[in-house]
Amino acid sequence: MAEDKTPQSSDAAGEYLLYAKYMTSVYLADASPDELSALRLLLEDNKIEVAGEARDWSTALAQAPDSNSDILLIDWSLLPQSPTEALGKLRKACPAALVIVLISHLDARHQAALSAGADAFISKGELPERIAEHIRDAAVSIGSK
């Protein structure tokens, strides 16, 4: 049997885990370069791989499937006029990915995001630690499938 050359990381008990098997990958889509950069740094600080990013809807829809991401973090404001149709196309293109919508204002948009087909939503007003916690929780739910 050939030796496995996959990069490995060690957990707290010193056990080695296969990097590719356990690391969650996220595709980011946000129109704001500052928010995109902040999200990328937050994820990387939490040992979550950023598999790709986009600043507009058409790029996100075109690139997300090729990223093979576990989670798609999509800014609500990027979605076209019909969020339900847009998220339906995204789900068809990335059927295995968990879709989390980022929302700037917690008014009726959180319910609209869920009704449109998102698995969850995260308020952009949350503290960075809470955003990371939501994403880690989503990663755990993926791992338990």
Protein backbone atom coordinates (compact mmCIF):
# COMPACT_ATOMS: atom_id res chain seq x y z
CA MET A 1 0.00 0.00 0.00
CA ALA A 2 1.37 3.43 -0.94
CA GLU A 3 2.22 5.86 1.84
CA ASP A 4 -0.40 8.60 2.34
CA LYS A 5 1.15 11.99 1.53
CA THR A 6 -1.93 13.97 2.67
CA PRO A 7 -0.97 16.83 5.01
CA GLN A 8 -1.91 15.99 8.58
CA SER A 9 -2.67 17.93 11.73
CA SER A 10 -2.61 16.77 15.30
CA ASP A 11 -5.53 17.04 17.73
CA ALA A 12 -5.17 17.81 21.47
CA ALA A 13 -4.57 14.16 22.33
CA GLY A 14 -1.77 13.93 19.77
CA GLU A 15 -3.78 11.82 17.36
CA TYR A 16 -3.17 12.61 13.71
CA LEU A 17 -6.16 13.50 11.58
CA LEU A 18 -6.21 13.54 7.82
CA TYR A 19 -6.37 17.21 6.87
CA ALA A 20 -8.52 16.85 3.78
CA LYS A 21 -11.04 14.59 5.46
CA TYR A 22 -11.80 16.78 8.48
CA MET A 23 -11.26 20.37 7.39
CA THR A 24 -14.44 22.23 6.52
CA SER A 25 -14.30 24.29 3.35
CA VAL A 26 -16.35 27.45 2.84
CA TYR A 27 -17.12 29.47 -0.27
CA LEU A 28 -17.65 33.19 0.48
CA ALA A 29 -19.78 35.62 -1.49
CA ASP A 30 -20.08 39.24 -0.33
CA ALA A 31 -20.10 42.49 -2.29
CA SER A 32 -18.04 44.37 0.29
CA PRO A 33 -14.28 43.80 -0.06
CA ASP A 34 -13.80 44.72 3.62
CA GLU A 35 -16.41 42.24 4.82
CA LEU A 36 -15.08 39.56 2.49
CA SER A 37 -11.57 40.09 3.87
CA ALA A 38 -12.81 40.06 7.48
CA LEU A 39 -14.77 36.83 6.90
CA ARG A 40 -11.78 35.17 5.23
CA LEU A 41 -9.50 36.08 8.16
CA LEU A 42 -12.09 34.93 10.69
CA LEU A 43 -12.46 31.56 8.98
CA GLU A 44 -8.73 31.05 8.53
CA ASP A 45 -8.14 31.94 12.20
CA ASN A 46 -10.62 29.19 13.06
CA LYS A 47 -8.88 26.61 10.85
CA ILE A 48 -11.66 26.68 8.26
CA GLU A 49 -10.53 26.55 4.64
CA VAL A 50 -11.75 29.29 2.29
CA ALA A 51 -12.25 27.41 -0.98
CA GLY A 52 -13.17 30.48 -3.02
CA GLU A 53 -14.84 33.85 -2.95
CA ALA A 54 -16.92 36.18 -5.08
CA ARG A 55 -18.09 39.77 -4.95
CA ASP A 56 -21.15 39.32 -7.18
CA TRP A 57 -23.93 36.77 -7.67
CA SER A 58 -23.04 35.59 -11.17
CA THR A 59 -19.46 34.82 -10.14
CA ALA A 60 -20.64 33.00 -7.01
CA LEU A 61 -23.09 30.88 -8.98
CA ALA A 62 -20.44 30.06 -11.60
CA GLN A 63 -17.55 29.29 -9.21
CA ALA A 64 -19.19 27.75 -6.13
CA PRO A 65 -19.82 24.33 -7.74
CA ASP A 66 -16.16 23.94 -8.71
CA SER A 67 -15.03 24.83 -5.19
CA ASN A 68 -16.62 21.63 -3.76
CA SER A 69 -17.27 23.57 -0.55
CA ASP A 70 -19.06 22.13 2.45
CA ILE A 71 -20.65 25.49 3.28
CA LEU A 72 -21.68 28.40 1.07
CA LEU A 73 -21.76 31.76 2.92
CA ILE A 74 -23.80 34.09 0.73
CA ASP A 75 -24.58 37.76 1.44
CA TRP A 76 -28.35 38.32 1.14
CA SER A 77 -27.77 41.60 -0.72
CA LEU A 78 -26.01 39.71 -3.56
CA LEU A 79 -29.10 37.67 -4.40
CA PRO A 80 -31.08 38.79 -7.45
CA GLN A 81 -34.72 39.95 -7.38
CA SER A 82 -35.99 36.43 -6.73
CA PRO A 83 -33.97 34.99 -3.83
CA THR A 84 -35.97 31.76 -3.90
CA GLU A 85 -35.10 31.16 -7.55
CA ALA A 86 -31.47 32.19 -6.98
CA LEU A 87 -30.98 29.88 -3.99
CA GLY A 88 -32.75 27.12 -5.91
CA LYS A 89 -30.17 27.43 -8.70
CA LEU A 90 -27.37 27.42 -6.13
CA ARG A 91 -28.76 24.30 -4.44
CA LYS A 92 -29.06 22.55 -7.80
CA ALA A 93 -25.45 23.47 -8.64
CA CYS A 94 -24.15 22.52 -5.15
CA PRO A 95 -26.57 19.91 -3.78
CA ALA A 96 -24.31 18.69 -0.97
CA ALA A 97 -23.38 22.13 0.39
CA LEU A 98 -24.98 23.80 3.38
CA VAL A 99 -26.23 27.27 2.42
CA ILE A 100 -25.91 30.00 5.04
CA VAL A 101 -27.12 33.50 4.22
CA LEU A 102 -25.44 36.55 5.74
CA ILE A 103 -27.95 39.24 6.66
CA SER A 104 -27.18 42.89 7.47
CA HIS A 105 -30.46 43.72 9.21
CA LEU A 106 -32.45 41.30 11.33
CA ASP A 107 -35.90 42.31 10.24
CA ALA A 108 -38.07 40.02 8.14
CA ARG A 109 -35.02 39.07 6.05
CA HIS A 110 -34.03 36.16 8.29
CA GLN A 111 -37.38 34.48 7.69
CA ALA A 112 -37.20 35.40 4.01
CA ALA A 113 -33.75 33.78 3.77
CA LEU A 114 -35.02 30.56 5.33
CA SER A 115 -38.15 30.61 3.18
CA ALA A 116 -36.03 31.16 0.08
CA GLY A 117 -34.12 27.95 0.75
CA ALA A 118 -31.22 28.80 3.05
CA ASP A 119 -30.29 26.23 5.68
CA ALA A 120 -29.47 28.97 8.17
CA PHE A 121 -28.68 32.66 8.44
CA ILE A 122 -26.07 34.68 10.32
CA SER A 123 -26.42 38.33 11.18
CA LYS A 124 -23.48 40.44 10.05
CA GLY A 125 -23.94 42.34 13.32
CA GLU A 126 -22.86 39.32 15.38
CA LEU A 127 -19.53 39.37 17.16
CA PRO A 128 -16.81 37.56 15.18
CA GLU A 129 -16.66 34.82 17.83
CA ARG A 130 -20.40 34.13 17.39
CA ILE A 131 -20.09 34.04 13.59
CA ALA A 132 -17.25 31.51 13.93
CA GLU A 133 -19.34 29.51 16.40
CA HIS A 134 -22.27 29.37 13.95
CA ILE A 135 -19.98 28.16 11.18
CA ARG A 136 -18.33 25.54 13.44
CA ASP A 137 -21.80 24.31 14.44
CA ALA A 138 -22.71 24.02 10.75
CA ALA A 139 -19.47 22.11 10.11
CA VAL A 140 -20.34 19.66 12.90
CA SER A 141 -23.76 19.08 11.37
CA ILE A 142 -22.11 18.29 8.04
CA GLY A 143 -19.74 15.83 9.68
CA SER A 144 -22.61 13.99 11.36
CA LYS A 145 -24.45 13.32 8.09
